[in-house]
Amino acid sequence: AIRHHADDDRTLAEQYAPTHAIALTAEGRLSQLLRGATSIEVNSLHKQGVLHPGPLLQIEATAPDGVIEAVAVPNHPFAIGVQWHPEWRYQHTEASTQLFGAFIHACHQFTREKRL
């Protein structure tokens, strides 16, 4: 089993360090945003998760133990939910940098389209 929650006896750097890999859904939105990646290492600091995604959610990534680590709304410009903390030292993690870059790009695109 994979520990998916924080160990308060550890330092923040230890708690937020990558703890396991996740498998990205082939051809999924997250995989596309991460330049075709099939797997990335993530920190895992959550106590809850999605057991059965609703009809509007698509599974984007899972942990080796089957826990859903990311979901997306397929027909939305940028509705992606992740179970890890990409903001922690994002500038040192390529996948986090790409994820935030894609989010910023989507925000700019939304603003441009809203002005039209």
N, C-alpha and C. Protein backbone atom coordinates (compact mmCIF):
# COMPACT_ATOMS: atom_id res chain seq x y z
N ALA A 1 0.84 -1.19 0.00
CA ALA A 1 0.00 0.00 0.00
C ALA A 1 0.87 1.24 0.00
N ILE A 2 0.38 2.26 -0.62
CA ILE A 2 1.09 3.54 -0.69
C ILE A 2 0.51 4.49 0.34
N ARG A 3 1.37 5.18 1.04
CA ARG A 3 0.91 6.19 2.00
C ARG A 3 0.55 7.44 1.20
N HIS A 4 -0.69 7.87 1.32
CA HIS A 4 -1.15 9.03 0.56
C HIS A 4 -1.34 10.27 1.44
N HIS A 5 -0.97 10.20 2.70
CA HIS A 5 -1.15 11.36 3.55
C HIS A 5 0.15 11.75 4.23
N ALA A 6 0.17 12.97 4.74
CA ALA A 6 1.39 13.53 5.33
C ALA A 6 1.74 12.84 6.64
N ASP A 7 3.02 12.73 6.88
CA ASP A 7 3.55 12.23 8.15
C ASP A 7 4.04 13.46 8.91
N ASP A 8 3.29 13.88 9.91
CA ASP A 8 3.60 15.12 10.63
C ASP A 8 4.92 15.06 11.40
N ASP A 9 5.51 13.89 11.53
CA ASP A 9 6.80 13.77 12.21
C ASP A 9 7.96 14.11 11.28
N ARG A 10 7.68 14.33 10.01
CA ARG A 10 8.73 14.63 9.04
C ARG A 10 8.77 16.12 8.75
N THR A 11 9.89 16.60 8.22
CA THR A 11 9.99 18.00 7.82
C THR A 11 9.08 18.24 6.61
N LEU A 12 8.78 19.50 6.34
CA LEU A 12 7.96 19.82 5.16
C LEU A 12 8.61 19.31 3.89
N ALA A 13 9.91 19.50 3.78
CA ALA A 13 10.62 19.03 2.58
C ALA A 13 10.46 17.52 2.41
N GLU A 14 10.51 16.79 3.50
CA GLU A 14 10.33 15.33 3.42
C GLU A 14 8.88 14.98 3.10
N GLN A 15 7.93 15.70 3.70
CA GLN A 15 6.52 15.42 3.45
C GLN A 15 6.13 15.68 2.00
N TYR A 16 6.69 16.75 1.43
CA TYR A 16 6.31 17.14 0.08
C TYR A 16 7.22 16.56 -1.00
N ALA A 17 8.15 15.74 -0.62
CA ALA A 17 9.02 15.09 -1.61
C ALA A 17 8.21 14.07 -2.40
N PRO A 18 8.60 13.81 -3.65
CA PRO A 18 7.88 12.78 -4.42
C PRO A 18 7.89 11.45 -3.67
N THR A 19 6.73 10.78 -3.64
CA THR A 19 6.62 9.53 -2.91
C THR A 19 6.31 8.33 -3.80
N HIS A 20 5.71 8.59 -4.96
CA HIS A 20 5.41 7.47 -5.86
C HIS A 20 5.13 7.98 -7.26
N ALA A 21 5.16 7.06 -8.21
CA ALA A 21 4.82 7.40 -9.59
C ALA A 21 3.32 7.27 -9.78
N ILE A 22 2.81 7.98 -10.76
CA ILE A 22 1.44 7.79 -11.20
C ILE A 22 1.46 7.49 -12.69
N ALA A 23 0.51 6.69 -13.12
CA ALA A 23 0.37 6.36 -14.53
C ALA A 23 -0.65 7.31 -15.14
N LEU A 24 -0.24 8.01 -16.18
CA LEU A 24 -1.15 8.93 -16.85
C LEU A 24 -1.94 8.17 -17.91
N THR A 25 -3.21 8.52 -18.04
CA THR A 25 -4.06 7.88 -19.02
C THR A 25 -3.56 8.19 -20.42
N ALA A 26 -3.34 7.16 -21.22
CA ALA A 26 -2.86 7.34 -22.60
C ALA A 26 -3.83 8.23 -23.36
N GLU A 27 -3.29 9.19 -24.07
CA GLU A 27 -4.08 10.13 -24.85
C GLU A 27 -4.97 11.02 -24.00
N GLY A 28 -4.78 11.01 -22.69
CA GLY A 28 -5.58 11.86 -21.80
C GLY A 28 -5.13 13.31 -21.87
N ARG A 29 -5.94 14.16 -21.33
CA ARG A 29 -5.66 15.60 -21.34
C ARG A 29 -4.37 15.92 -20.58
N LEU A 30 -4.20 15.31 -19.41
CA LEU A 30 -3.01 15.57 -18.62
C LEU A 30 -1.76 15.08 -19.33
N SER A 31 -1.82 13.91 -19.90
CA SER A 31 -0.68 13.38 -20.65
C SER A 31 -0.31 14.31 -21.81
N GLN A 32 -1.31 14.82 -22.50
CA GLN A 32 -1.06 15.74 -23.61
C GLN A 32 -0.40 17.03 -23.12
N LEU A 33 -0.89 17.56 -21.99
CA LEU A 33 -0.31 18.79 -21.43
C LEU A 33 1.14 18.57 -21.00
N LEU A 34 1.44 17.33 -20.60
CA LEU A 34 2.80 17.00 -20.14
C LEU A 34 3.62 16.36 -21.25
N ARG A 35 3.33 16.79 -22.48
CA ARG A 35 4.11 16.39 -23.67
C ARG A 35 4.18 14.89 -23.88
N GLY A 36 3.06 14.22 -23.67
CA GLY A 36 2.98 12.79 -23.94
C GLY A 36 3.54 11.89 -22.84
N ALA A 37 3.77 12.44 -21.67
CA ALA A 37 4.29 11.62 -20.56
C ALA A 37 3.32 10.49 -20.24
N THR A 38 3.86 9.36 -19.85
CA THR A 38 3.03 8.22 -19.46
C THR A 38 3.07 8.00 -17.96
N SER A 39 4.06 8.58 -17.29
CA SER A 39 4.22 8.41 -15.86
C SER A 39 5.01 9.60 -15.32
N ILE A 40 4.66 10.05 -14.12
CA ILE A 40 5.44 11.08 -13.43
C ILE A 40 5.49 10.74 -11.95
N GLU A 41 6.48 11.28 -11.26
CA GLU A 41 6.61 11.12 -9.81
C GLU A 41 5.88 12.28 -9.14
N VAL A 42 5.11 11.97 -8.10
CA VAL A 42 4.36 13.01 -7.39
C VAL A 42 4.51 12.86 -5.89
N ASN A 43 4.29 13.97 -5.19
CA ASN A 43 4.13 13.89 -3.74
C ASN A 43 2.68 13.49 -3.49
N SER A 44 2.39 12.96 -2.38
CA SER A 44 1.04 12.46 -2.14
C SER A 44 0.61 12.85 -0.74
N LEU A 45 -0.24 13.86 -0.66
CA LEU A 45 -0.64 14.39 0.63
C LEU A 45 -2.15 14.61 0.67
N HIS A 46 -2.87 13.54 0.57
CA HIS A 46 -4.32 13.65 0.63
C HIS A 46 -4.90 12.53 1.47
N LYS A 47 -6.02 12.82 2.09
CA LYS A 47 -6.70 11.82 2.93
C LYS A 47 -7.99 11.34 2.29
N GLN A 48 -8.41 12.00 1.23
CA GLN A 48 -9.62 11.62 0.53
C GLN A 48 -9.31 11.45 -0.94
N GLY A 49 -10.20 10.78 -1.64
CA GLY A 49 -10.01 10.61 -3.07
C GLY A 49 -11.32 10.30 -3.76
N VAL A 50 -11.26 10.21 -5.06
CA VAL A 50 -12.42 9.90 -5.87
C VAL A 50 -12.49 8.38 -6.03
N LEU A 51 -13.59 7.79 -5.59
CA LEU A 51 -13.76 6.35 -5.75
C LEU A 51 -14.45 6.04 -7.07
N HIS A 52 -15.54 6.74 -7.33
CA HIS A 52 -16.30 6.55 -8.57
C HIS A 52 -16.51 7.92 -9.21
N PRO A 53 -15.76 8.26 -10.25
CA PRO A 53 -15.93 9.58 -10.88
C PRO A 53 -17.33 9.75 -11.45
N GLY A 54 -17.86 10.94 -11.34
CA GLY A 54 -19.17 11.24 -11.91
C GLY A 54 -19.12 11.16 -13.43
N PRO A 55 -20.28 11.23 -14.07
CA PRO A 55 -20.34 11.06 -15.52
C PRO A 55 -19.61 12.13 -16.31
N LEU A 56 -19.36 13.29 -15.72
CA LEU A 56 -18.66 14.35 -16.44
C LEU A 56 -17.16 14.34 -16.21
N LEU A 57 -16.66 13.40 -15.40
CA LEU A 57 -15.23 13.34 -15.13
C LEU A 57 -14.57 12.19 -15.87
N GLN A 58 -13.36 12.45 -16.30
CA GLN A 58 -12.54 11.43 -16.96
C GLN A 58 -11.31 11.20 -16.08
N ILE A 59 -10.98 9.95 -15.82
CA ILE A 59 -9.78 9.64 -15.04
C ILE A 59 -8.55 9.97 -15.88
N GLU A 60 -7.64 10.72 -15.30
CA GLU A 60 -6.43 11.14 -16.00
C GLU A 60 -5.17 10.47 -15.48
N ALA A 61 -5.18 9.99 -14.23
CA ALA A 61 -3.99 9.36 -13.67
C ALA A 61 -4.37 8.53 -12.45
N THR A 62 -3.61 7.44 -12.25
CA THR A 62 -3.82 6.58 -11.09
C THR A 62 -2.48 6.21 -10.47
N ALA A 63 -2.53 5.96 -9.16
CA ALA A 63 -1.36 5.47 -8.44
C ALA A 63 -1.28 3.95 -8.63
N PRO A 64 -0.13 3.35 -8.34
CA PRO A 64 -0.01 1.89 -8.47
C PRO A 64 -1.03 1.10 -7.65
N ASP A 65 -1.54 1.69 -6.56
CA ASP A 65 -2.54 0.99 -5.75
C ASP A 65 -3.97 1.22 -6.22
N GLY A 66 -4.12 1.90 -7.36
CA GLY A 66 -5.43 2.14 -7.94
C GLY A 66 -6.09 3.44 -7.55
N VAL A 67 -5.52 4.18 -6.61
CA VAL A 67 -6.10 5.45 -6.21
C VAL A 67 -6.07 6.42 -7.39
N ILE A 68 -7.20 7.05 -7.64
CA ILE A 68 -7.28 8.04 -8.72
C ILE A 68 -6.54 9.30 -8.28
N GLU A 69 -5.55 9.70 -9.06
CA GLU A 69 -4.72 10.85 -8.69
C GLU A 69 -5.02 12.10 -9.51
N ALA A 70 -5.76 11.97 -10.62
CA ALA A 70 -6.11 13.14 -11.41
C ALA A 70 -7.37 12.85 -12.23
N VAL A 71 -8.17 13.90 -12.40
CA VAL A 71 -9.39 13.82 -13.21
C VAL A 71 -9.47 15.08 -14.08
N ALA A 72 -10.30 15.02 -15.10
CA ALA A 72 -10.53 16.18 -15.96
C ALA A 72 -11.98 16.17 -16.43
N VAL A 73 -12.45 17.35 -16.81
CA VAL A 73 -13.74 17.49 -17.47
C VAL A 73 -13.41 17.63 -18.95
N PRO A 74 -13.70 16.60 -19.75
CA PRO A 74 -13.24 16.56 -21.14
C PRO A 74 -13.62 17.75 -22.01
N ASN A 75 -14.82 18.29 -21.90
CA ASN A 75 -15.24 19.36 -22.80
C ASN A 75 -15.04 20.76 -22.22
N HIS A 76 -14.24 20.86 -21.19
CA HIS A 76 -13.95 22.16 -20.57
C HIS A 76 -12.57 22.62 -21.02
N PRO A 77 -12.37 23.92 -21.22
CA PRO A 77 -11.05 24.39 -21.67
C PRO A 77 -9.89 24.02 -20.74
N PHE A 78 -10.15 24.00 -19.42
CA PHE A 78 -9.06 23.63 -18.50
C PHE A 78 -9.63 23.28 -17.14
N ALA A 79 -10.29 22.16 -17.04
CA ALA A 79 -10.79 21.69 -15.75
C ALA A 79 -10.08 20.39 -15.43
N ILE A 80 -9.00 20.52 -14.67
CA ILE A 80 -8.19 19.37 -14.28
C ILE A 80 -8.01 19.42 -12.77
N GLY A 81 -8.24 18.30 -12.12
CA GLY A 81 -8.05 18.21 -10.68
C GLY A 81 -6.97 17.17 -10.37
N VAL A 82 -6.04 17.53 -9.50
CA VAL A 82 -4.97 16.60 -9.14
C VAL A 82 -4.96 16.39 -7.63
N GLN A 83 -4.48 15.24 -7.20
CA GLN A 83 -4.45 14.88 -5.78
C GLN A 83 -3.10 15.17 -5.13
N TRP A 84 -2.15 15.61 -5.89
CA TRP A 84 -0.84 15.92 -5.32
C TRP A 84 -0.68 17.43 -5.27
N HIS A 85 0.47 17.89 -4.83
CA HIS A 85 0.72 19.33 -4.68
C HIS A 85 1.77 19.79 -5.68
N PRO A 86 1.34 20.14 -6.91
CA PRO A 86 2.30 20.58 -7.92
C PRO A 86 2.92 21.94 -7.59
N GLU A 87 2.29 22.70 -6.68
CA GLU A 87 2.82 24.02 -6.33
C GLU A 87 4.09 23.93 -5.48
N TRP A 88 4.31 22.79 -4.83
CA TRP A 88 5.48 22.65 -3.97
C TRP A 88 6.73 22.56 -4.85
N ARG A 89 7.57 23.58 -4.77
CA ARG A 89 8.83 23.63 -5.51
C ARG A 89 8.61 23.34 -7.00
N TYR A 90 7.54 23.93 -7.54
CA TYR A 90 7.16 23.67 -8.93
C TYR A 90 8.28 23.96 -9.91
N GLN A 91 9.11 24.93 -9.59
CA GLN A 91 10.17 25.30 -10.52
C GLN A 91 11.27 24.23 -10.61
N HIS A 92 11.24 23.25 -9.72
CA HIS A 92 12.22 22.16 -9.74
C HIS A 92 11.64 20.87 -10.32
N THR A 93 10.39 20.92 -10.74
CA THR A 93 9.73 19.73 -11.26
C THR A 93 9.17 20.06 -12.64
N GLU A 94 9.69 19.41 -13.66
CA GLU A 94 9.28 19.72 -15.03
C GLU A 94 7.77 19.56 -15.23
N ALA A 95 7.19 18.49 -14.71
CA ALA A 95 5.76 18.27 -14.90
C ALA A 95 4.94 19.39 -14.26
N SER A 96 5.34 19.85 -13.09
CA SER A 96 4.62 20.94 -12.43
C SER A 96 4.75 22.24 -13.21
N THR A 97 5.94 22.52 -13.70
CA THR A 97 6.17 23.71 -14.51
C THR A 97 5.30 23.68 -15.76
N GLN A 98 5.22 22.52 -16.40
CA GLN A 98 4.39 22.38 -17.60
C GLN A 98 2.91 22.54 -17.27
N LEU A 99 2.48 21.96 -16.17
CA LEU A 99 1.07 22.06 -15.76
C LEU A 99 0.69 23.50 -15.50
N PHE A 100 1.50 24.24 -14.75
CA PHE A 100 1.20 25.63 -14.48
C PHE A 100 1.29 26.48 -15.74
N GLY A 101 2.24 26.17 -16.61
CA GLY A 101 2.35 26.88 -17.89
C GLY A 101 1.10 26.69 -18.73
N ALA A 102 0.58 25.48 -18.77
CA ALA A 102 -0.64 25.19 -19.53
C ALA A 102 -1.83 25.92 -18.91
N PHE A 103 -1.88 25.98 -17.59
CA PHE A 103 -2.97 26.69 -16.92
C PHE A 103 -2.91 28.19 -17.25
N ILE A 104 -1.74 28.78 -17.19
CA ILE A 104 -1.58 30.20 -17.50
C ILE A 104 -1.97 30.46 -18.95
N HIS A 105 -1.55 29.59 -19.85
CA HIS A 105 -1.91 29.72 -21.27
C HIS A 105 -3.44 29.67 -21.42
N ALA A 106 -4.10 28.75 -20.73
CA ALA A 106 -5.56 28.64 -20.80
C ALA A 106 -6.22 29.91 -20.27
N CYS A 107 -5.65 30.50 -19.22
CA CYS A 107 -6.19 31.76 -18.68
C CYS A 107 -6.07 32.88 -19.71
N HIS A 108 -4.92 32.98 -20.36
CA HIS A 108 -4.73 34.00 -21.40
C HIS A 108 -5.70 33.78 -22.56
N GLN A 109 -5.87 32.53 -22.95
CA GLN A 109 -6.79 32.20 -24.04
C GLN A 109 -8.22 32.58 -23.66
N PHE A 110 -8.62 32.28 -22.45
CA PHE A 110 -9.96 32.63 -21.98
C PHE A 110 -10.17 34.14 -22.04
N THR A 111 -9.17 34.89 -21.58
CA THR A 111 -9.26 36.36 -21.58
C THR A 111 -9.38 36.89 -23.00
N ARG A 112 -8.58 36.35 -23.92
CA ARG A 112 -8.65 36.79 -25.33
C ARG A 112 -10.04 36.52 -25.90
N GLU A 113 -10.56 35.33 -25.66
CA GLU A 113 -11.87 34.96 -26.21
C GLU A 113 -13.00 35.77 -25.59
N LYS A 114 -12.84 36.12 -24.33
CA LYS A 114 -13.87 36.88 -23.63
C LYS A 114 -13.96 38.30 -24.21
N ARG A 115 -12.83 38.85 -24.67
CA ARG A 115 -12.81 40.21 -25.22
C ARG A 115 -13.46 40.28 -26.59
N LEU A 116 -13.53 39.16 -27.29
CA LEU A 116 -14.07 39.18 -28.66
C LEU A 116 -15.55 39.37 -28.72
